[in-house]
Amino acid sequence: FVADDAINAGTLFEADLLEIEAAQPDLIIVAGRSAA
């Protein structure tokens, strides 16, 4: 369910904001451990 060339967006508790912004997502989903 993860693309072969997917970026490592961080950990369950901390996001790599630069990598995520570069990926230009249409949607981001968090919950539980990542909700903060």
PDB file of all heavy atoms in Angstrom:
ATOM      1  N   PHE A   1       0.813  -1.204   0.000  1.00  0.00           N
ATOM      2  CA  PHE A   1       0.000   0.000   0.000  1.00  0.00           C
ATOM      3  C   PHE A   1       0.855   1.267   0.000  1.00  0.00           C
ATOM      4  O   PHE A   1       0.320   2.379   0.089  1.00  0.00           O
ATOM      5  CB  PHE A   1      -0.937   0.011   1.209  1.00  0.00           C
ATOM      6  CG  PHE A   1      -1.909  -1.139   1.227  1.00  0.00           C
ATOM      7  CD1 PHE A   1      -2.492  -1.558   2.415  1.00  0.00           C
ATOM      8  CD2 PHE A   1      -2.243  -1.810   0.060  1.00  0.00           C
ATOM      9  CE1 PHE A   1      -3.399  -2.611   2.441  1.00  0.00           C
ATOM     10  CE2 PHE A   1      -3.149  -2.877   0.080  1.00  0.00           C
ATOM     11  CZ  PHE A   1      -3.724  -3.274   1.267  1.00  0.00           C
ATOM     12  N   VAL A   2       2.171   1.108  -0.098  1.00  0.00           N
ATOM     13  CA  VAL A   2       3.108   2.230  -0.170  1.00  0.00           C
ATOM     14  C   VAL A   2       3.858   2.139  -1.493  1.00  0.00           C
ATOM     15  O   VAL A   2       4.309   1.064  -1.889  1.00  0.00           O
ATOM     16  CB  VAL A   2       4.103   2.194   1.010  1.00  0.00           C
ATOM     17  CG1 VAL A   2       5.102   3.335   0.907  1.00  0.00           C
ATOM     18  CG2 VAL A   2       3.348   2.278   2.341  1.00  0.00           C
ATOM     19  N   ALA A   3       3.992   3.247  -2.192  1.00  0.00           N
ATOM     20  CA  ALA A   3       4.667   3.260  -3.490  1.00  0.00           C
ATOM     21  C   ALA A   3       6.130   2.836  -3.348  1.00  0.00           C
ATOM     22  O   ALA A   3       6.765   3.074  -2.316  1.00  0.00           O
ATOM     23  CB  ALA A   3       4.578   4.652  -4.112  1.00  0.00           C
ATOM     24  N   ASP A   4       6.646   2.198  -4.398  1.00  0.00           N
ATOM     25  CA  ASP A   4       8.042   1.738  -4.374  1.00  0.00           C
ATOM     26  C   ASP A   4       9.014   2.889  -4.164  1.00  0.00           C
ATOM     27  O   ASP A   4      10.072   2.727  -3.561  1.00  0.00           O
ATOM     28  CB  ASP A   4       8.382   1.010  -5.680  1.00  0.00           C
ATOM     29  CG  ASP A   4       7.635  -0.310  -5.826  1.00  0.00           C
ATOM     30  OD1 ASP A   4       7.178  -0.849  -4.791  1.00  0.00           O
ATOM     31  OD2 ASP A   4       7.500  -0.787  -6.965  1.00  0.00           O
ATOM     32  N   ASP A   5       8.673   4.082  -4.683  1.00  0.00           N
ATOM     33  CA  ASP A   5       9.552   5.242  -4.567  1.00  0.00           C
ATOM     34  C   ASP A   5       9.047   6.239  -3.522  1.00  0.00           C
ATOM     35  O   ASP A   5       9.366   7.427  -3.581  1.00  0.00           O
ATOM     36  CB  ASP A   5       9.708   5.933  -5.917  1.00  0.00           C
ATOM     37  CG  ASP A   5       8.370   6.400  -6.510  1.00  0.00           C
ATOM     38  OD1 ASP A   5       7.303   6.037  -5.943  1.00  0.00           O
ATOM     39  OD2 ASP A   5       8.382   7.120  -7.519  1.00  0.00           O
ATOM     40  N   ALA A   6       8.267   5.754  -2.571  1.00  0.00           N
ATOM     41  CA  ALA A   6       7.701   6.639  -1.549  1.00  0.00           C
ATOM     42  C   ALA A   6       8.787   7.303  -0.722  1.00  0.00           C
ATOM     43  O   ALA A   6       9.844   6.715  -0.451  1.00  0.00           O
ATOM     44  CB  ALA A   6       6.766   5.851  -0.630  1.00  0.00           C
ATOM     45  N   ILE A   7       8.528   8.526  -0.323  1.00  0.00           N
ATOM     46  CA  ILE A   7       9.442   9.231   0.569  1.00  0.00           C
ATOM     47  C   ILE A   7       9.265   8.718   1.991  1.00  0.00           C
ATOM     48  O   ILE A   7       8.192   8.242   2.365  1.00  0.00           O
ATOM     49  CB  ILE A   7       9.201  10.753   0.551  1.00  0.00           C
ATOM     50  CG1 ILE A   7       7.785  11.076   1.090  1.00  0.00           C
ATOM     51  CG2 ILE A   7       9.413  11.334  -0.830  1.00  0.00           C
ATOM     52  CD1 ILE A   7       7.575  12.520   1.470  1.00  0.00           C
ATOM     53  N   ASN A   8      10.327   8.818   2.771  1.00  0.00           N
ATOM     54  CA  ASN A   8      10.219   8.541   4.207  1.00  0.00           C
ATOM     55  C   ASN A   8       9.749   9.831   4.870  1.00  0.00           C
ATOM     56  O   ASN A   8      10.508  10.782   5.014  1.00  0.00           O
ATOM     57  CB  ASN A   8      11.559   8.093   4.773  1.00  0.00           C
ATOM     58  CG  ASN A   8      11.441   7.600   6.206  1.00  0.00           C
ATOM     59  OD1 ASN A   8      10.359   7.652   6.794  1.00  0.00           O
ATOM     60  ND2 ASN A   8      12.522   7.135   6.774  1.00  0.00           N
ATOM     61  N   ALA A   9       8.476   9.850   5.252  1.00  0.00           N
ATOM     62  CA  ALA A   9       7.852  11.085   5.744  1.00  0.00           C
ATOM     63  C   ALA A   9       8.238  11.424   7.175  1.00  0.00           C
ATOM     64  O   ALA A   9       7.819  12.446   7.699  1.00  0.00           O
ATOM     65  CB  ALA A   9       6.335  10.970   5.631  1.00  0.00           C
ATOM     66  N   GLY A  10       9.025  10.557   7.817  1.00  0.00           N
ATOM     67  CA  GLY A  10       9.444  10.800   9.196  1.00  0.00           C
ATOM     68  C   GLY A  10       9.200   9.567  10.041  1.00  0.00           C
ATOM     69  O   GLY A  10       9.441   8.443   9.606  1.00  0.00           O
ATOM     70  N   THR A  11       8.706   9.784  11.249  1.00  0.00           N
ATOM     71  CA  THR A  11       8.369   8.691  12.157  1.00  0.00           C
ATOM     72  C   THR A  11       6.893   8.815  12.543  1.00  0.00           C
ATOM     73  O   THR A  11       6.197   9.732  12.096  1.00  0.00           O
ATOM     74  CB  THR A  11       9.224   8.742  13.432  1.00  0.00           C
ATOM     75  OG1 THR A  11       8.814   9.880  14.234  1.00  0.00           O
ATOM     76  CG2 THR A  11      10.708   8.878  13.091  1.00  0.00           C
ATOM     77  N   LEU A  12       6.437   7.902  13.385  1.00  0.00           N
ATOM     78  CA  LEU A  12       5.060   7.988  13.855  1.00  0.00           C
ATOM     79  C   LEU A  12       4.826   9.215  14.729  1.00  0.00           C
ATOM     80  O   LEU A  12       3.679   9.582  15.001  1.00  0.00           O
ATOM     81  CB  LEU A  12       4.687   6.728  14.637  1.00  0.00           C
ATOM     82  CG  LEU A  12       4.634   5.423  13.838  1.00  0.00           C
ATOM     83  CD1 LEU A  12       4.401   4.246  14.783  1.00  0.00           C
ATOM     84  CD2 LEU A  12       3.561   5.474  12.769  1.00  0.00           C
ATOM     85  N   PHE A  13       5.914   9.864  15.164  1.00  0.00           N
ATOM     86  CA  PHE A  13       5.792  10.983  16.108  1.00  0.00           C
ATOM     87  C   PHE A  13       6.356  12.292  15.566  1.00  0.00           C
ATOM     88  O   PHE A  13       6.095  13.344  16.143  1.00  0.00           O
ATOM     89  CB  PHE A  13       6.513  10.641  17.414  1.00  0.00           C
ATOM     90  CG  PHE A  13       6.002   9.397  18.080  1.00  0.00           C
ATOM     91  CD1 PHE A  13       6.604   8.170  17.867  1.00  0.00           C
ATOM     92  CD2 PHE A  13       4.899   9.440  18.916  1.00  0.00           C
ATOM     93  CE1 PHE A  13       6.141   7.016  18.477  1.00  0.00           C
ATOM     94  CE2 PHE A  13       4.417   8.296  19.528  1.00  0.00           C
ATOM     95  CZ  PHE A  13       5.030   7.080  19.302  1.00  0.00           C
ATOM     96  N   GLU A  14       7.113  12.245  14.474  1.00  0.00           N
ATOM     97  CA  GLU A  14       7.765  13.456  13.980  1.00  0.00           C
ATOM     98  C   GLU A  14       7.804  13.428  12.457  1.00  0.00           C
ATOM     99  O   GLU A  14       8.243  12.442  11.854  1.00  0.00           O
ATOM    100  CB  GLU A  14       9.180  13.570  14.541  1.00  0.00           C
ATOM    101  CG  GLU A  14       9.876  14.865  14.171  1.00  0.00           C
ATOM    102  CD  GLU A  14      11.224  15.008  14.860  1.00  0.00           C
ATOM    103  OE1 GLU A  14      11.603  14.105  15.626  1.00  0.00           O
ATOM    104  OE2 GLU A  14      11.894  16.031  14.619  1.00  0.00           O
ATOM    105  N   ALA A  15       7.359  14.523  11.838  1.00  0.00           N
ATOM    106  CA  ALA A  15       7.280  14.596  10.386  1.00  0.00           C
ATOM    107  C   ALA A  15       8.521  15.259   9.794  1.00  0.00           C
ATOM    108  O   ALA A  15       9.092  16.171  10.388  1.00  0.00           O
ATOM    109  CB  ALA A  15       6.042  15.388   9.972  1.00  0.00           C
ATOM    110  N   ASP A  16       8.932  14.777   8.609  1.00  0.00           N
ATOM    111  CA  ASP A  16       9.976  15.436   7.821  1.00  0.00           C
ATOM    112  C   ASP A  16       9.258  16.405   6.890  1.00  0.00           C
ATOM    113  O   ASP A  16       8.868  16.058   5.773  1.00  0.00           O
ATOM    114  CB  ASP A  16      10.776  14.399   7.030  1.00  0.00           C
ATOM    115  CG  ASP A  16      11.990  15.011   6.337  1.00  0.00           C
ATOM    116  OD1 ASP A  16      11.927  16.204   5.984  1.00  0.00           O
ATOM    117  OD2 ASP A  16      12.998  14.287   6.137  1.00  0.00           O
ATOM    118  N   LEU A  17       9.079  17.634   7.345  1.00  0.00           N
ATOM    119  CA  LEU A  17       8.238  18.590   6.636  1.00  0.00           C
ATOM    120  C   LEU A  17       8.773  18.929   5.260  1.00  0.00           C
ATOM    121  O   LEU A  17       7.998  19.119   4.304  1.00  0.00           O
ATOM    122  CB  LEU A  17       8.078  19.858   7.481  1.00  0.00           C
ATOM    123  CG  LEU A  17       7.421  19.667   8.852  1.00  0.00           C
ATOM    124  CD1 LEU A  17       7.381  20.981   9.620  1.00  0.00           C
ATOM    125  CD2 LEU A  17       6.020  19.090   8.709  1.00  0.00           C
ATOM    126  N   LEU A  18      10.092  19.018   5.104  1.00  0.00           N
ATOM    127  CA  LEU A  18      10.669  19.354   3.809  1.00  0.00           C
ATOM    128  C   LEU A  18      10.401  18.257   2.782  1.00  0.00           C
ATOM    129  O   LEU A  18      10.037  18.536   1.635  1.00  0.00           O
ATOM    130  CB  LEU A  18      12.175  19.596   3.953  1.00  0.00           C
ATOM    131  CG  LEU A  18      12.575  20.822   4.776  1.00  0.00           C
ATOM    132  CD1 LEU A  18      14.099  20.926   4.885  1.00  0.00           C
ATOM    133  CD2 LEU A  18      11.996  22.102   4.151  1.00  0.00           C
ATOM    134  N   GLU A  19      10.581  17.007   3.189  1.00  0.00           N
ATOM    135  CA  GLU A  19      10.317  15.892   2.275  1.00  0.00           C
ATOM    136  C   GLU A  19       8.847  15.843   1.881  1.00  0.00           C
ATOM    137  O   GLU A  19       8.494  15.605   0.722  1.00  0.00           O
ATOM    138  CB  GLU A  19      10.722  14.573   2.925  1.00  0.00           C
ATOM    139  CG  GLU A  19      12.218  14.319   2.966  1.00  0.00           C
ATOM    140  CD  GLU A  19      12.745  13.803   1.631  1.00  0.00           C
ATOM    141  OE1 GLU A  19      11.964  13.700   0.673  1.00  0.00           O
ATOM    142  OE2 GLU A  19      13.938  13.519   1.557  1.00  0.00           O
ATOM    143  N   ILE A  20       7.979  16.063   2.850  1.00  0.00           N
ATOM    144  CA  ILE A  20       6.541  16.003   2.581  1.00  0.00           C
ATOM    145  C   ILE A  20       6.124  17.127   1.638  1.00  0.00           C
ATOM    146  O   ILE A  20       5.371  16.906   0.674  1.00  0.00           O
ATOM    147  CB  ILE A  20       5.758  16.069   3.900  1.00  0.00           C
ATOM    148  CG1 ILE A  20       6.056  14.843   4.760  1.00  0.00           C
ATOM    149  CG2 ILE A  20       4.255  16.181   3.622  1.00  0.00           C
ATOM    150  CD1 ILE A  20       5.557  14.943   6.168  1.00  0.00           C
ATOM    151  N   GLU A  21       6.604  18.334   1.882  1.00  0.00           N
ATOM    152  CA  GLU A  21       6.244  19.456   1.020  1.00  0.00           C
ATOM    153  C   GLU A  21       6.725  19.223  -0.407  1.00  0.00           C
ATOM    154  O   GLU A  21       6.019  19.532  -1.374  1.00  0.00           O
ATOM    155  CB  GLU A  21       6.826  20.752   1.579  1.00  0.00           C
ATOM    156  CG  GLU A  21       6.289  22.000   0.925  1.00  0.00           C
ATOM    157  CD  GLU A  21       6.524  23.243   1.746  1.00  0.00           C
ATOM    158  OE1 GLU A  21       7.301  23.185   2.717  1.00  0.00           O
ATOM    159  OE2 GLU A  21       5.927  24.290   1.405  1.00  0.00           O
ATOM    160  N   ALA A  22       7.910  18.633  -0.549  1.00  0.00           N
ATOM    161  CA  ALA A  22       8.445  18.361  -1.879  1.00  0.00           C
ATOM    162  C   ALA A  22       7.607  17.329  -2.632  1.00  0.00           C
ATOM    163  O   ALA A  22       7.557  17.331  -3.865  1.00  0.00           O
ATOM    164  CB  ALA A  22       9.891  17.883  -1.775  1.00  0.00           C
ATOM    165  N   ALA A  23       6.943  16.451  -1.909  1.00  0.00           N
ATOM    166  CA  ALA A  23       6.120  15.423  -2.540  1.00  0.00           C
ATOM    167  C   ALA A  23       4.802  15.970  -3.060  1.00  0.00           C
ATOM    168  O   ALA A  23       4.100  15.291  -3.810  1.00  0.00           O
ATOM    169  CB  ALA A  23       5.847  14.298  -1.545  1.00  0.00           C
ATOM    170  N   GLN A  24       4.447  17.187  -2.692  1.00  0.00           N
ATOM    171  CA  GLN A  24       3.224  17.860  -3.139  1.00  0.00           C
ATOM    172  C   GLN A  24       1.973  16.978  -2.964  1.00  0.00           C
ATOM    173  O   GLN A  24       1.254  16.701  -3.926  1.00  0.00           O
ATOM    174  CB  GLN A  24       3.361  18.302  -4.599  1.00  0.00           C
ATOM    175  CG  GLN A  24       4.478  19.299  -4.821  1.00  0.00           C
ATOM    176  CD  GLN A  24       4.555  19.767  -6.250  1.00  0.00           C
ATOM    177  OE1 GLN A  24       4.549  18.962  -7.190  1.00  0.00           O
ATOM    178  NE2 GLN A  24       4.620  21.073  -6.440  1.00  0.00           N
ATOM    179  N   PRO A  25       1.719  16.559  -1.749  1.00  0.00           N
ATOM    180  CA  PRO A  25       0.563  15.674  -1.533  1.00  0.00           C
ATOM    181  C   PRO A  25      -0.757  16.397  -1.736  1.00  0.00           C
ATOM    182  O   PRO A  25      -0.870  17.610  -1.539  1.00  0.00           O
ATOM    183  CB  PRO A  25       0.733  15.233  -0.080  1.00  0.00           C
ATOM    184  CG  PRO A  25       1.503  16.348   0.563  1.00  0.00           C
ATOM    185  CD  PRO A  25       2.438  16.850  -0.491  1.00  0.00           C
ATOM    186  N   ASP A  26      -1.765  15.620  -2.146  1.00  0.00           N
ATOM    187  CA  ASP A  26      -3.140  16.123  -2.232  1.00  0.00           C
ATOM    188  C   ASP A  26      -3.864  15.942  -0.910  1.00  0.00           C
ATOM    189  O   ASP A  26      -4.884  16.590  -0.670  1.00  0.00           O
ATOM    190  CB  ASP A  26      -3.909  15.363  -3.315  1.00  0.00           C
ATOM    191  CG  ASP A  26      -3.227  15.402  -4.667  1.00  0.00           C
ATOM    192  OD1 ASP A  26      -2.868  16.508  -5.104  1.00  0.00           O
ATOM    193  OD2 ASP A  26      -3.052  14.335  -5.275  1.00  0.00           O
ATOM    194  N   LEU A  27      -3.363  15.022  -0.080  1.00  0.00           N
ATOM    195  CA  LEU A  27      -4.011  14.701   1.192  1.00  0.00           C
ATOM    196  C   LEU A  27      -2.974  14.125   2.141  1.00  0.00           C
ATOM    197  O   LEU A  27      -2.100  13.354   1.719  1.00  0.00           O
ATOM    198  CB  LEU A  27      -5.128  13.683   0.975  1.00  0.00           C
ATOM    199  CG  LEU A  27      -5.802  13.077   2.218  1.00  0.00           C
ATOM    200  CD1 LEU A  27      -6.534  14.155   3.008  1.00  0.00           C
ATOM    201  CD2 LEU A  27      -6.755  11.950   1.827  1.00  0.00           C
ATOM    202  N   ILE A  28      -3.061  14.500   3.410  1.00  0.00           N
ATOM    203  CA  ILE A  28      -2.216  13.932   4.466  1.00  0.00           C
ATOM    204  C   ILE A  28      -3.152  13.369   5.542  1.00  0.00           C
ATOM    205  O   ILE A  28      -4.128  14.021   5.922  1.00  0.00           O
ATOM    206  CB  ILE A  28      -1.280  14.985   5.080  1.00  0.00           C
ATOM    207  CG1 ILE A  28      -0.386  15.604   4.002  1.00  0.00           C
ATOM    208  CG2 ILE A  28      -0.421  14.370   6.182  1.00  0.00           C
ATOM    209  CD1 ILE A  28       0.435  16.793   4.489  1.00  0.00           C
ATOM    210  N   ILE A  29      -2.844  12.172   6.016  1.00  0.00           N
ATOM    211  CA  ILE A  29      -3.668  11.524   7.038  1.00  0.00           C
ATOM    212  C   ILE A  29      -2.828  11.247   8.277  1.00  0.00           C
ATOM    213  O   ILE A  29      -1.761  10.634   8.183  1.00  0.00           O
ATOM    214  CB  ILE A  29      -4.268  10.206   6.515  1.00  0.00           C
ATOM    215  CG1 ILE A  29      -5.157  10.458   5.296  1.00  0.00           C
ATOM    216  CG2 ILE A  29      -5.073   9.513   7.618  1.00  0.00           C
ATOM    217  CD1 ILE A  29      -5.695   9.191   4.655  1.00  0.00           C
ATOM    218  N   VAL A  30      -3.305  11.709   9.424  1.00  0.00           N
ATOM    219  CA  VAL A  30      -2.677  11.416  10.717  1.00  0.00           C
ATOM    220  C   VAL A  30      -3.728  10.807  11.629  1.00  0.00           C
ATOM    221  O   VAL A  30      -4.933  10.895  11.370  1.00  0.00           O
ATOM    222  CB  VAL A  30      -2.079  12.680  11.369  1.00  0.00           C
ATOM    223  CG1 VAL A  30      -0.985  13.272  10.503  1.00  0.00           C
ATOM    224  CG2 VAL A  30      -3.169  13.725  11.657  1.00  0.00           C
ATOM    225  N   ALA A  31      -3.264  10.208  12.717  1.00  0.00           N
ATOM    226  CA  ALA A  31      -4.167   9.670  13.746  1.00  0.00           C
ATOM    227  C   ALA A  31      -3.323   9.113  14.866  1.00  0.00           C
ATOM    228  O   ALA A  31      -2.153   8.750  14.671  1.00  0.00           O
ATOM    229  CB  ALA A  31      -5.080   8.579  13.181  1.00  0.00           C
ATOM    230  N   GLY A  32      -3.919   9.024  16.050  1.00  0.00           N
ATOM    231  CA  GLY A  32      -3.241   8.371  17.167  1.00  0.00           C
ATOM    232  C   GLY A  32      -1.888   8.983  17.473  1.00  0.00           C
ATOM    233  O   GLY A  32      -1.781  10.159  17.830  1.00  0.00           O
ATOM    234  N   ARG A  33      -0.838   8.174  17.321  1.00  0.00           N
ATOM    235  CA  ARG A  33       0.509   8.627  17.657  1.00  0.00           C
ATOM    236  C   ARG A  33       0.918   9.871  16.867  1.00  0.00           C
ATOM    237  O   ARG A  33       1.678  10.702  17.352  1.00  0.00           O
ATOM    238  CB  ARG A  33       1.514   7.499  17.392  1.00  0.00           C
ATOM    239  CG  ARG A  33       1.298   6.223  18.202  1.00  0.00           C
ATOM    240  CD  ARG A  33       2.253   5.132  17.727  1.00  0.00           C
ATOM    241  NE  ARG A  33       2.137   3.886  18.486  1.00  0.00           N
ATOM    242  CZ  ARG A  33       1.304   2.894  18.164  1.00  0.00           C
ATOM    243  NH1 ARG A  33       0.514   3.015  17.111  1.00  0.00           N
ATOM    244  NH2 ARG A  33       1.263   1.793  18.901  1.00  0.00           N
ATOM    245  N   SER A  34       0.444   9.991  15.647  1.00  0.00           N
ATOM    246  CA  SER A  34       0.862  11.098  14.777  1.00  0.00           C
ATOM    247  C   SER A  34      -0.068  12.298  14.834  1.00  0.00           C
ATOM    248  O   SER A  34       0.168  13.306  14.161  1.00  0.00           O
ATOM    249  CB  SER A  34       0.975  10.610  13.327  1.00  0.00           C
ATOM    250  OG  SER A  34      -0.253  10.060  12.873  1.00  0.00           O
ATOM    251  N   ALA A  35      -1.133  12.222  15.624  1.00  0.00           N
ATOM    252  CA  ALA A  35      -2.142  13.284  15.631  1.00  0.00           C
ATOM    253  C   ALA A  35      -1.568  14.634  16.026  1.00  0.00           C
ATOM    254  O   ALA A  35      -2.027  15.672  15.535  1.00  0.00           O
ATOM    255  CB  ALA A  35      -3.282  12.912  16.576  1.00  0.00           C
ATOM    256  N   ALA A  36      -0.553  14.635  16.880  1.00  0.00           N
ATOM    257  CA  ALA A  36       0.023  15.906  17.347  1.00  0.00           C
ATOM    258  C   ALA A  36       0.706  16.683  16.227  1.00  0.00           C
ATOM    259  O   ALA A  36       0.998  17.868  16.381  1.00  0.00           O
ATOM    260  CB  ALA A  36       1.018  15.638  18.476  1.00  0.00           C
TER     261      ALA A  36
END
